[in-house]
N, C-alpha and C. Protein backbone atom coordinates (compact mmCIF):
# COMPACT_ATOMS: atom_id res chain seq x y z
N UNK A 1 -10.75 1.26 -26.78
CA UNK A 1 -11.26 0.98 -25.44
C UNK A 1 -10.50 1.85 -24.58
N UNK A 2 -11.66 2.53 -23.59
CA UNK A 2 -11.39 3.21 -22.30
C UNK A 2 -11.05 2.36 -21.24
N UNK A 3 -10.18 2.42 -20.23
CA UNK A 3 -9.91 1.93 -19.10
C UNK A 3 -9.42 2.81 -17.98
N UNK A 4 -10.02 3.02 -16.97
CA UNK A 4 -9.75 3.88 -15.84
C UNK A 4 -8.79 3.06 -14.95
N UNK A 5 -7.48 3.35 -14.65
CA UNK A 5 -6.66 3.04 -13.54
C UNK A 5 -6.76 3.49 -12.27
N UNK A 6 -7.53 2.61 -11.34
CA UNK A 6 -8.03 3.02 -9.82
C UNK A 6 -6.38 3.15 -9.09
N UNK A 7 -5.58 4.67 -9.46
CA UNK A 7 -4.68 4.94 -8.88
C UNK A 7 -4.53 6.40 -8.76
N UNK A 8 -3.93 6.88 -7.87
CA UNK A 8 -3.53 8.36 -8.23
C UNK A 8 -1.78 8.52 -8.42
N UNK A 9 -1.27 7.56 -8.48
CA UNK A 9 0.14 7.25 -8.63
C UNK A 9 0.54 7.45 -9.94
N UNK A 10 1.39 8.66 -10.18
CA UNK A 10 1.76 8.85 -11.56
C UNK A 10 2.68 7.78 -11.94
N UNK A 11 3.77 7.34 -11.22
CA UNK A 11 4.51 6.33 -11.97
C UNK A 11 3.92 5.03 -12.25
N UNK A 12 2.73 4.60 -11.59
CA UNK A 12 2.07 3.57 -11.99
C UNK A 12 1.25 3.68 -13.28
N UNK A 13 0.80 4.74 -13.25
CA UNK A 13 0.09 5.28 -14.56
C UNK A 13 0.83 5.16 -15.44
N UNK A 14 1.97 5.90 -15.47
CA UNK A 14 2.75 6.04 -16.82
C UNK A 14 3.26 4.65 -17.01
N UNK A 15 3.80 3.60 -16.43
CA UNK A 15 4.23 2.37 -16.41
C UNK A 15 3.03 1.63 -17.39
N UNK A 16 1.82 1.65 -16.73
CA UNK A 16 0.43 0.89 -17.34
C UNK A 16 0.37 1.65 -18.88
N UNK A 17 0.54 3.15 -19.13
CA UNK A 17 0.37 3.51 -20.53
C UNK A 17 1.41 3.04 -21.31
N UNK A 18 2.70 2.94 -20.68
CA UNK A 18 3.91 2.45 -21.81
C UNK A 18 3.58 0.93 -22.02
N UNK A 19 3.19 -0.12 -21.32
CA UNK A 19 3.01 -1.20 -21.35
C UNK A 19 1.64 -1.62 -22.10
N UNK A 20 0.69 -0.83 -22.23
CA UNK A 20 -0.33 -0.95 -22.86
C UNK A 20 -0.11 -0.29 -24.52
N UNK A 21 0.68 0.35 -24.48
CA UNK A 21 1.29 0.66 -26.08
C UNK A 21 0.36 1.25 -26.79
N UNK A 22 -0.62 2.39 -26.11
CA UNK A 22 -1.43 3.44 -27.07
C UNK A 22 -2.46 2.47 -27.42
N UNK A 23 -3.01 1.31 -27.13
CA UNK A 23 -3.77 0.18 -27.49
C UNK A 23 -5.42 0.70 -26.52
N UNK A 24 -5.14 1.84 -25.80
CA UNK A 24 -6.23 1.85 -24.59
C UNK A 24 -6.13 3.38 -24.34
N UNK A 25 -7.11 3.81 -24.20
CA UNK A 25 -7.16 5.20 -23.67
C UNK A 25 -7.23 5.24 -22.06
N UNK A 26 -6.10 5.50 -21.57
CA UNK A 26 -5.80 5.27 -20.18
C UNK A 26 -6.15 6.53 -19.38
N UNK A 27 -6.84 6.54 -18.14
CA UNK A 27 -7.23 7.67 -17.18
C UNK A 27 -7.05 7.19 -15.80
N UNK A 28 -6.63 7.87 -14.85
CA UNK A 28 -6.65 7.51 -13.75
C UNK A 28 -7.56 8.51 -13.00
N UNK A 29 -7.19 8.25 -11.41
CA UNK A 29 -8.24 8.92 -10.54
C UNK A 29 -7.84 10.41 -10.41
N UNK A 30 -6.65 10.83 -10.79
CA UNK A 30 -6.35 12.04 -11.09
C UNK A 30 -7.50 12.97 -11.89
N UNK A 31 -8.15 12.09 -12.69
CA UNK A 31 -9.37 12.75 -13.53
C UNK A 31 -10.69 12.97 -12.76
N UNK A 32 -11.00 12.12 -11.53
CA UNK A 32 -11.81 12.27 -10.87
C UNK A 32 -11.35 12.09 -9.25
N UNK A 33 -11.15 13.79 -9.07
CA UNK A 33 -10.56 13.96 -7.64
C UNK A 33 -11.57 13.52 -6.89
N UNK A 34 -13.10 13.11 -6.89
CA UNK A 34 -14.28 12.95 -5.90
C UNK A 34 -14.12 11.80 -5.72
N UNK A 35 -13.77 11.00 -6.42
CA UNK A 35 -13.80 9.16 -6.35
C UNK A 35 -12.85 9.05 -5.23
N UNK A 36 -13.58 8.31 -4.22
CA UNK A 36 -12.20 7.81 -3.01
C UNK A 36 -11.85 6.17 -3.78
N UNK A 37 -10.87 5.93 -3.29
CA UNK A 37 -10.13 4.63 -3.44
C UNK A 37 -10.40 4.01 -2.28
N UNK A 38 -10.82 2.79 -2.27
CA UNK A 38 -11.32 1.84 -1.21
C UNK A 38 -10.04 1.57 -0.56
N UNK A 39 -9.92 1.40 0.76
CA UNK A 39 -8.94 1.16 1.66
C UNK A 39 -8.26 -0.61 1.38
N UNK A 40 -7.34 -0.43 1.41
CA UNK A 40 -6.75 -1.92 1.14
C UNK A 40 -6.78 -2.60 2.56
N UNK A 41 -7.71 -3.40 2.60
CA UNK A 41 -7.94 -4.06 3.98
C UNK A 41 -7.71 -5.56 3.86
N UNK A 42 -7.76 -5.92 2.71
CA UNK A 42 -7.38 -7.35 2.26
C UNK A 42 -6.27 -7.93 2.95
N UNK A 43 -6.10 -8.96 2.77
CA UNK A 43 -5.11 -9.73 3.28
C UNK A 43 -3.93 -10.33 2.45
N UNK A 44 -4.28 -10.37 1.09
CA UNK A 44 -3.95 -10.75 -0.62
C UNK A 44 -3.45 -9.37 -1.38
N UNK A 45 -2.80 -9.95 -2.33
CA UNK A 45 -2.70 -8.81 -3.17
C UNK A 45 -4.20 -8.83 -3.90
N UNK A 46 -4.56 -9.90 -4.44
CA UNK A 46 -5.92 -10.13 -5.01
C UNK A 46 -7.02 -9.27 -4.73
N UNK A 47 -6.95 -9.60 -3.02
CA UNK A 47 -8.28 -8.91 -2.59
C UNK A 47 -7.75 -7.35 -2.55
N UNK A 48 -6.87 -7.05 -2.31
CA UNK A 48 -6.82 -5.51 -2.30
C UNK A 48 -6.94 -4.74 -3.74
N UNK A 49 -6.63 -5.68 -4.59
CA UNK A 49 -6.60 -5.08 -6.26
C UNK A 49 -7.90 -5.26 -6.44
N UNK A 50 -8.74 -6.24 -6.06
CA UNK A 50 -10.33 -6.50 -6.04
C UNK A 50 -11.11 -5.30 -5.53
N UNK A 51 -10.58 -4.79 -4.25
CA UNK A 51 -11.52 -3.73 -3.47
C UNK A 51 -11.32 -2.75 -4.21
N UNK A 52 -9.98 -2.43 -4.75
CA UNK A 52 -9.90 -1.08 -5.33
C UNK A 52 -10.91 -0.93 -6.81
N UNK A 53 -10.56 -1.94 -7.48
CA UNK A 53 -11.58 -1.92 -8.60
C UNK A 53 -13.03 -1.93 -8.69
N UNK A 54 -13.63 -2.66 -7.70
CA UNK A 54 -14.90 -2.56 -7.73
C UNK A 54 -15.11 -1.37 -7.17
N UNK A 55 -14.58 -1.10 -5.99
CA UNK A 55 -14.82 0.36 -5.45
C UNK A 55 -15.18 1.43 -6.56
N UNK A 56 -14.21 1.64 -6.97
CA UNK A 56 -14.19 2.70 -8.08
C UNK A 56 -15.31 2.44 -9.07
N UNK A 57 -15.21 1.13 -9.77
CA UNK A 57 -16.37 0.99 -10.57
C UNK A 57 -17.87 1.02 -10.02
N UNK A 58 -18.05 1.30 -8.97
CA UNK A 58 -19.55 1.59 -8.51
C UNK A 58 -19.55 3.33 -8.74
N UNK A 59 -18.42 4.10 -8.71
CA UNK A 59 -18.58 5.55 -8.61
C UNK A 59 -18.50 5.93 -10.09
N UNK A 60 -18.06 5.26 -11.26
CA UNK A 60 -17.61 5.49 -12.66
C UNK A 60 -18.09 4.48 -13.50
N UNK A 61 -18.63 5.00 -14.80
CA UNK A 61 -18.52 4.02 -15.80
C UNK A 61 -17.68 3.68 -16.28
N UNK A 62 -17.97 2.48 -16.96
CA UNK A 62 -16.61 1.71 -17.75
C UNK A 62 -15.93 0.77 -17.05
N UNK A 63 -14.97 0.19 -17.72
CA UNK A 63 -14.05 -0.69 -17.17
C UNK A 63 -12.59 0.14 -16.52
N UNK A 64 -13.20 -0.97 -15.11
CA UNK A 64 -11.83 -0.20 -14.03
C UNK A 64 -10.72 -1.20 -13.76
N UNK A 65 -9.66 -0.81 -13.87
CA UNK A 65 -8.54 -1.90 -13.52
C UNK A 65 -7.79 -1.26 -12.30
N UNK A 66 -7.65 -2.12 -11.66
CA UNK A 66 -6.86 -1.46 -10.06
C UNK A 66 -5.66 -2.94 -10.12
N UNK A 67 -4.44 -2.30 -9.53
CA UNK A 67 -3.45 -3.59 -9.16
C UNK A 67 -3.07 -3.28 -7.73
N UNK A 68 -2.82 -4.31 -7.07
CA UNK A 68 -1.76 -4.42 -6.07
C UNK A 68 -0.66 -5.08 -6.13
N UNK A 69 0.49 -4.73 -5.75
CA UNK A 69 1.78 -5.40 -6.22
C UNK A 69 2.67 -5.11 -5.21
N UNK A 70 3.83 -5.81 -5.27
CA UNK A 70 4.76 -5.59 -4.05
C UNK A 70 5.82 -6.72 -3.75
N UNK A 71 6.90 -6.56 -3.01
CA UNK A 71 7.87 -7.29 -3.00
C UNK A 71 7.78 -8.46 -1.96
N UNK A 72 8.02 -9.77 -2.36
CA UNK A 72 7.83 -10.58 -1.17
C UNK A 72 9.44 -11.16 -1.19
N UNK A 73 10.02 -11.25 0.05
CA UNK A 73 11.32 -11.61 0.33
C UNK A 73 11.31 -12.81 1.26
N UNK A 74 12.04 -14.10 0.63
CA UNK A 74 11.67 -15.20 1.41
C UNK A 74 12.35 -15.43 2.67
N UNK A 75 13.71 -14.54 2.86
CA UNK A 75 14.26 -14.52 4.48
C UNK A 75 13.68 -13.76 5.32
N UNK A 76 12.40 -13.08 4.86
CA UNK A 76 11.24 -12.13 5.51
C UNK A 76 10.18 -13.08 5.89
N UNK A 77 10.08 -14.10 5.47
CA UNK A 77 8.82 -14.87 5.38
C UNK A 77 7.76 -14.22 4.52
N UNK A 78 8.01 -13.56 3.58
CA UNK A 78 7.13 -12.88 2.33
C UNK A 78 6.87 -11.36 2.59
N UNK A 79 7.60 -10.83 3.56
CA UNK A 79 7.68 -9.46 3.84
C UNK A 79 8.45 -8.76 2.82
N UNK A 80 8.18 -7.33 2.48
CA UNK A 80 7.15 -6.64 3.15
C UNK A 80 5.51 -7.03 2.20
N UNK A 81 5.50 -7.67 1.49
CA UNK A 81 3.94 -8.39 0.84
C UNK A 81 3.27 -7.09 0.66
N UNK A 82 2.19 -7.45 0.91
CA UNK A 82 0.87 -6.45 0.48
C UNK A 82 1.20 -5.10 1.49
N UNK A 83 2.24 -4.97 2.31
CA UNK A 83 2.60 -3.87 3.07
C UNK A 83 4.02 -2.92 2.32
N UNK A 84 4.28 -3.49 1.01
CA UNK A 84 5.63 -2.95 0.62
C UNK A 84 5.52 -1.46 0.40
N UNK A 85 4.21 -0.60 0.01
CA UNK A 85 4.04 0.65 -0.15
C UNK A 85 4.35 1.33 1.22
N UNK A 86 4.08 0.64 2.36
CA UNK A 86 4.34 1.40 3.61
C UNK A 86 5.17 0.92 4.47
N UNK A 87 6.01 -0.05 4.10
CA UNK A 87 6.66 -0.70 5.06
C UNK A 87 7.73 0.07 6.12
N UNK A 88 7.88 1.39 5.40
CA UNK A 88 8.81 2.09 6.46
C UNK A 88 7.76 3.14 7.20
N UNK A 89 6.46 3.10 7.00
CA UNK A 89 5.53 3.88 7.76
C UNK A 89 4.79 4.12 6.67
N UNK A 90 3.51 4.80 7.19
CA UNK A 90 2.41 5.12 6.51
C UNK A 90 2.69 6.31 5.47
N UNK A 91 3.13 7.55 5.91
CA UNK A 91 3.59 8.37 5.02
C UNK A 91 5.21 8.24 4.67
N UNK A 92 5.74 7.29 3.82
CA UNK A 92 7.08 7.08 3.80
C UNK A 92 7.37 7.09 2.59
N UNK A 93 8.91 7.06 2.26
CA UNK A 93 9.48 7.26 0.90
C UNK A 93 10.04 6.07 0.60
N UNK A 94 10.35 6.21 -0.72
CA UNK A 94 10.76 4.93 -1.38
C UNK A 94 12.47 4.27 -0.45
N UNK A 95 13.02 5.65 -0.25
CA UNK A 95 14.19 5.27 0.24
C UNK A 95 14.09 4.79 1.64
N UNK A 96 13.06 5.00 2.65
CA UNK A 96 13.17 4.86 4.05
C UNK A 96 12.44 3.19 3.80
N UNK A 97 11.67 3.03 2.82
CA UNK A 97 11.32 1.50 2.75
C UNK A 97 12.53 0.69 2.08
N UNK A 98 13.32 1.13 1.47
CA UNK A 98 14.60 0.40 1.04
C UNK A 98 15.42 0.15 2.50
N UNK A 99 15.53 1.14 3.01
CA UNK A 99 16.55 1.47 3.97
C UNK A 99 16.22 0.05 5.19
N UNK A 100 14.74 0.51 5.49
CA UNK A 100 14.12 -1.06 6.52
C UNK A 100 14.20 -2.11 5.93
N UNK A 101 14.03 -2.44 4.54
CA UNK A 101 14.05 -3.66 3.99
C UNK A 101 15.51 -4.19 4.39
N UNK A 102 16.60 -3.43 3.97
CA UNK A 102 18.06 -3.66 4.07
C UNK A 102 18.28 -4.02 5.34
N UNK A 103 17.96 -3.13 6.21
CA UNK A 103 18.26 -3.51 7.55
C UNK A 103 17.57 -4.61 8.20
N UNK A 104 16.31 -4.98 7.98
CA UNK A 104 15.50 -6.32 8.41
C UNK A 104 15.96 -7.34 7.90
N UNK A 105 17.06 -7.26 6.34
CA UNK A 105 17.49 -8.27 5.93
C UNK A 105 18.95 -8.68 6.15
N UNK A 106 19.45 -7.70 6.97
CA UNK A 106 20.77 -7.74 7.34
C UNK A 106 21.88 -8.49 6.64
N UNK A 107 22.60 -9.37 7.06
CA UNK A 107 23.45 -10.29 6.14
C UNK A 107 22.98 -11.74 5.93
N UNK A 108 21.25 -11.64 6.03
CA UNK A 108 20.85 -13.03 5.25
C UNK A 108 21.61 -13.76 4.20
N UNK A 109 21.65 -14.71 4.09
CA UNK A 109 22.45 -15.59 3.38
C UNK A 109 21.53 -15.71 2.04
N UNK A 110 20.27 -16.05 2.35
CA UNK A 110 19.48 -16.34 1.43
C UNK A 110 18.75 -14.57 0.98
N UNK A 111 18.87 -14.33 -0.21
CA UNK A 111 18.33 -13.15 -0.74
C UNK A 111 17.32 -13.05 -1.58
N UNK A 112 16.85 -14.48 -1.77
CA UNK A 112 15.61 -14.52 -3.14
C UNK A 112 14.39 -13.68 -2.63
N UNK A 113 14.01 -13.34 -3.71
CA UNK A 113 12.77 -12.36 -3.37
C UNK A 113 12.03 -12.81 -4.93
N UNK A 114 10.75 -12.15 -5.05
CA UNK A 114 9.82 -11.72 -6.03
C UNK A 114 9.01 -10.56 -5.95
N UNK A 115 8.78 -10.03 -7.24
CA UNK A 115 8.03 -8.69 -7.18
C UNK A 115 6.44 -9.83 -7.79
N UNK A 116 5.58 -9.37 -7.08
CA UNK A 116 4.10 -10.01 -7.57
C UNK A 116 3.11 -8.73 -7.96
N UNK A 117 2.52 -8.84 -8.72
CA UNK A 117 1.44 -7.81 -9.38
C UNK A 117 0.04 -8.67 -9.35
N UNK A 118 -0.91 -8.24 -9.04
CA UNK A 118 -2.08 -8.78 -9.21
C UNK A 118 -3.18 -7.65 -9.72
N UNK A 119 -3.90 -7.57 -11.00
CA UNK A 119 -4.44 -6.84 -11.36
C UNK A 119 -6.08 -7.57 -11.43
N UNK A 120 -7.16 -6.55 -11.03
CA UNK A 120 -8.08 -6.82 -10.99
C UNK A 120 -9.06 -5.87 -11.97
N UNK A 121 -10.18 -6.57 -12.41
CA UNK A 121 -10.83 -5.78 -13.73
C UNK A 121 -12.44 -5.72 -13.18
N UNK A 122 -13.04 -4.73 -13.32
CA UNK A 122 -14.50 -4.61 -12.80
C UNK A 122 -15.25 -3.69 -13.63
N UNK A 123 -16.44 -3.80 -13.42
CA UNK A 123 -17.38 -2.54 -14.08
C UNK A 123 -18.45 -2.84 -13.47
N UNK A 124 -19.17 -1.84 -13.37
CA UNK A 124 -20.71 -1.45 -12.50
C UNK A 124 -20.32 -2.44 -11.18
N UNK A 125 -19.78 -2.24 -10.25
CA UNK A 125 -19.74 -2.76 -9.32
C UNK A 125 -19.48 -4.44 -9.19
N UNK A 126 -18.88 -4.96 -10.33
CA UNK A 126 -18.79 -6.26 -10.55
C UNK A 126 -17.18 -6.46 -10.81
N UNK A 127 -16.87 -7.45 -10.09
CA UNK A 127 -15.65 -7.89 -10.31
C UNK A 127 -15.64 -8.80 -11.70
N UNK A 128 -14.81 -8.66 -12.19
CA UNK A 128 -14.62 -9.26 -13.85
C UNK A 128 -13.53 -10.44 -13.86
N UNK A 129 -12.83 -10.47 -12.87
CA UNK A 129 -11.28 -11.43 -12.81
C UNK A 129 -10.10 -10.78 -12.37
N UNK A 130 -9.59 -11.77 -11.80
CA UNK A 130 -7.90 -11.05 -11.43
C UNK A 130 -7.30 -11.81 -12.39
N UNK A 131 -5.74 -11.24 -12.44
CA UNK A 131 -4.46 -11.78 -13.38
C UNK A 131 -3.69 -11.16 -12.67
N UNK A 132 -2.29 -12.28 -12.61
CA UNK A 132 -1.24 -11.99 -11.71
C UNK A 132 0.04 -12.04 -12.71
N UNK A 133 1.22 -11.73 -12.36
CA UNK A 133 2.36 -11.68 -13.10
C UNK A 133 3.26 -11.44 -11.59
N UNK A 134 4.76 -12.56 -12.08
CA UNK A 134 5.58 -12.74 -11.06
C UNK A 134 6.89 -12.56 -11.50
N UNK A 135 7.91 -12.04 -11.14
CA UNK A 135 9.26 -12.31 -11.50
C UNK A 135 10.18 -12.13 -10.47
N UNK A 136 10.92 -13.31 -10.62
CA UNK A 136 11.74 -13.94 -9.50
C UNK A 136 13.09 -13.00 -9.49
N UNK A 137 13.79 -12.78 -8.48
CA UNK A 137 15.15 -12.16 -8.22
C UNK A 137 15.54 -12.11 -7.06
N UNK A 138 16.51 -11.35 -6.75
CA UNK A 138 17.04 -11.35 -5.61
C UNK A 138 17.65 -9.72 -4.88
N UNK A 139 17.46 -9.83 -3.59
CA UNK A 139 17.88 -8.47 -3.14
C UNK A 139 19.35 -8.30 -2.93
N UNK A 140 19.64 -6.99 -3.36
CA UNK A 140 21.02 -6.74 -3.44
C UNK A 140 21.40 -6.06 -1.90
N UNK A 141 22.65 -6.05 -1.64
CA UNK A 141 23.10 -5.37 -0.32
C UNK A 141 22.91 -3.88 -0.28
N UNK A 142 23.22 -3.27 -1.36
CA UNK A 142 23.19 -1.56 -1.75
C UNK A 142 22.16 -1.30 -2.77
N UNK A 143 21.73 -0.27 -2.72
CA UNK A 143 20.90 0.40 -4.14
C UNK A 143 21.77 0.60 -5.05
N UNK A 144 21.30 0.12 -6.29
CA UNK A 144 22.00 0.52 -7.85
C UNK A 144 21.14 1.16 -8.65
N UNK A 145 21.44 2.13 -9.31
CA UNK A 145 20.60 2.74 -10.64
C UNK A 145 19.56 3.92 -9.91
N UNK A 146 19.25 4.71 -11.14
CA UNK A 146 18.19 6.04 -10.87
C UNK A 146 17.05 5.90 -11.13
N UNK A 147 16.70 4.94 -12.29
CA UNK A 147 15.74 4.74 -12.83
C UNK A 147 14.45 4.10 -11.82
N UNK A 148 13.16 3.84 -12.53
CA UNK A 148 12.08 2.91 -11.49
C UNK A 148 11.80 3.67 -10.52
N UNK A 149 10.98 2.84 -9.73
CA UNK A 149 10.48 3.36 -8.36
C UNK A 149 10.55 2.29 -7.29
N UNK A 150 10.02 2.68 -6.30
CA UNK A 150 9.84 1.51 -5.11
C UNK A 150 11.26 0.83 -4.99
N UNK A 151 11.34 -0.58 -4.82
CA UNK A 151 12.29 -1.29 -4.51
C UNK A 151 13.17 -1.47 -5.70
N UNK A 152 12.80 -0.96 -6.72
CA UNK A 152 13.66 -1.16 -8.06
C UNK A 152 15.32 -1.41 -7.99
N UNK A 153 15.55 -0.07 -7.05
CA UNK A 153 17.16 -0.14 -6.87
C UNK A 153 17.74 -1.41 -6.42
N UNK A 154 16.90 -2.13 -5.58
CA UNK A 154 17.62 -3.28 -4.70
C UNK A 154 17.17 -4.27 -5.36
N UNK A 155 16.27 -4.76 -6.24
CA UNK A 155 15.77 -5.96 -7.04
C UNK A 155 16.49 -6.42 -8.35
N UNK A 156 17.44 -7.31 -8.23
CA UNK A 156 18.03 -7.73 -9.53
C UNK A 156 17.23 -9.13 -9.88
N UNK A 157 16.37 -8.93 -11.07
CA UNK A 157 15.77 -10.10 -11.78
C UNK A 157 16.81 -11.20 -12.08
N UNK A 158 16.50 -12.55 -11.73
CA UNK A 158 16.96 -13.42 -12.21
C UNK A 158 17.56 -13.62 -13.64
N UNK A 159 18.50 -13.79 -13.82
CA UNK A 159 19.10 -13.96 -15.31
C UNK A 159 19.70 -12.72 -16.07
N UNK A 160 19.67 -11.47 -14.71
CA UNK A 160 20.15 -10.52 -15.51
C UNK A 160 21.22 -9.99 -14.46
N UNK A 161 21.94 -8.91 -14.82
CA UNK A 161 23.30 -8.41 -14.16
C UNK A 161 22.41 -7.02 -13.63
N UNK A 162 21.32 -6.27 -14.01
CA UNK A 162 21.28 -4.95 -13.70
C UNK A 162 20.16 -5.22 -12.57
N UNK A 163 19.81 -4.18 -11.86
CA UNK A 163 18.69 -4.31 -10.96
C UNK A 163 17.34 -3.22 -12.20
N UNK A 164 16.24 -3.37 -11.59
CA UNK A 164 15.15 -2.74 -12.33
C UNK A 164 15.57 -1.25 -12.66
N UNK A 165 16.25 -0.64 -11.51
CA UNK A 165 16.69 0.69 -11.75
C UNK A 165 17.43 0.90 -12.72
N UNK A 166 18.44 -0.04 -12.71
CA UNK A 166 19.54 0.23 -13.95
C UNK A 166 18.90 0.06 -15.47
N UNK A 167 18.08 -0.73 -15.65
CA UNK A 167 17.75 -1.15 -16.82
C UNK A 167 16.93 0.30 -17.66
N UNK A 168 17.07 0.15 -18.79
CA UNK A 168 15.99 0.69 -19.51
C UNK A 168 14.68 0.63 -19.35
N UNK A 169 13.86 1.56 -19.49
CA UNK A 169 12.48 1.05 -19.08
C UNK A 169 11.91 0.14 -20.29
N UNK A 170 12.37 0.04 -21.52
CA UNK A 170 11.65 -0.82 -22.39
C UNK A 170 12.03 -2.38 -22.08
N UNK A 171 13.28 -2.60 -21.53
CA UNK A 171 13.72 -4.07 -21.08
C UNK A 171 12.65 -4.31 -19.86
N UNK A 172 12.81 -3.34 -18.77
CA UNK A 172 11.78 -3.30 -17.69
C UNK A 172 10.30 -4.05 -17.94
N UNK A 173 10.23 -2.98 -18.91
CA UNK A 173 8.58 -3.38 -19.33
C UNK A 173 8.13 -4.58 -20.10
N UNK A 174 9.47 -5.44 -20.22
CA UNK A 174 9.17 -6.46 -21.14
C UNK A 174 9.25 -7.69 -20.04
N UNK A 175 9.93 -7.84 -19.13
CA UNK A 175 10.19 -8.77 -18.18
C UNK A 175 9.83 -8.47 -16.57
N UNK A 176 8.92 -7.58 -16.54
CA UNK A 176 8.56 -7.26 -14.85
C UNK A 176 7.29 -7.80 -14.56
N UNK A 177 6.96 -7.87 -13.33
CA UNK A 177 5.52 -8.64 -13.13
C UNK A 177 4.49 -7.90 -13.20
N UNK A 178 4.71 -6.51 -13.64
CA UNK A 178 3.53 -5.63 -13.89
C UNK A 178 3.42 -6.32 -15.24
N UNK A 179 4.29 -6.19 -16.24
CA UNK A 179 4.22 -6.24 -17.60
C UNK A 179 3.69 -7.77 -17.66
N UNK A 180 4.09 -8.71 -17.11
CA UNK A 180 3.36 -10.53 -17.32
C UNK A 180 1.86 -10.07 -16.50
N UNK A 181 1.49 -9.39 -15.90
CA UNK A 181 -0.04 -9.49 -15.60
C UNK A 181 -0.60 -8.57 -16.53
N UNK A 182 -0.03 -7.34 -17.10
CA UNK A 182 -0.90 -6.67 -18.26
C UNK A 182 -0.79 -7.71 -19.56
N UNK A 183 0.04 -8.55 -19.78
CA UNK A 183 -0.30 -9.48 -21.03
C UNK A 183 -1.28 -10.40 -20.77
N UNK A 184 -1.38 -10.87 -19.42
CA UNK A 184 -2.68 -11.43 -19.11
C UNK A 184 -3.92 -10.60 -19.17
N UNK A 185 -3.85 -9.31 -18.73
CA UNK A 185 -5.00 -8.79 -18.80
C UNK A 185 -5.34 -8.25 -20.08
N UNK A 186 -4.67 -8.04 -21.30
CA UNK A 186 -4.66 -7.71 -22.61
C UNK A 186 -5.41 -9.25 -23.11
N UNK A 187 -5.22 -10.31 -22.79
CA UNK A 187 -5.91 -11.37 -23.16
C UNK A 187 -7.56 -11.66 -22.65
N UNK A 188 -7.73 -11.03 -21.36
CA UNK A 188 -8.84 -10.98 -21.12
C UNK A 188 -9.77 -9.84 -21.54
N UNK A 189 -9.03 -8.64 -21.85
CA UNK A 189 -9.79 -7.71 -22.52
C UNK A 189 -10.15 -8.20 -23.85
N UNK A 190 -9.34 -9.02 -24.86
CA UNK A 190 -9.63 -9.42 -25.75
C UNK A 190 -10.79 -10.13 -25.63
N UNK A 191 -11.13 -10.83 -24.70
CA UNK A 191 -12.41 -11.70 -24.37
C UNK A 191 -13.45 -10.97 -24.37
N UNK A 192 -13.36 -10.16 -23.49
CA UNK A 192 -14.55 -8.92 -23.34
C UNK A 192 -14.90 -8.28 -24.46
N UNK A 193 -14.01 -8.08 -25.46
CA UNK A 193 -14.15 -7.22 -26.64
C UNK A 193 -15.08 -8.25 -27.73
N UNK A 194 -14.55 -9.83 -27.49
CA UNK A 194 -15.36 -10.64 -28.58
C UNK A 194 -16.82 -11.01 -28.26
């Protein structure tokens, strides 16, 4: 089965390929340079993922998946949330996003946070459903680790001593928010096949 991932982010594409374990042929928008990705104008992860999946599915045949994911920090009332990728500014780096997060968090005693991922599935301009995965954890005072991307160096999942950036990819891909959402996606895709 072929799936088109509505993204131009190579990190995200690689992670989806690893999570789907060669069960599907995955392409991303790198293969469709003329297809535009819908603006994330929603107020929730679910709305943004659906906007992207439905938008791309009107231009390309077959099943399209899109995700919207981010970090929710309790002491910051859920920020950066849907603005996670552009928290430090519109054209920013992971390091700038992390620096702003740590600055905003300061010495707050409550460091609890979660990564949330919502995957939307669409075909022919119609949403077929959304699936969610969440992993709880905490924000560290300083980044640790060289792996992963985004906020991985400062996020320590509950029950582990390592940050996502310190984990081997196989472990992160078993416990992450995206792994949980992909597991739910696989169930949905089995329903569609049957």
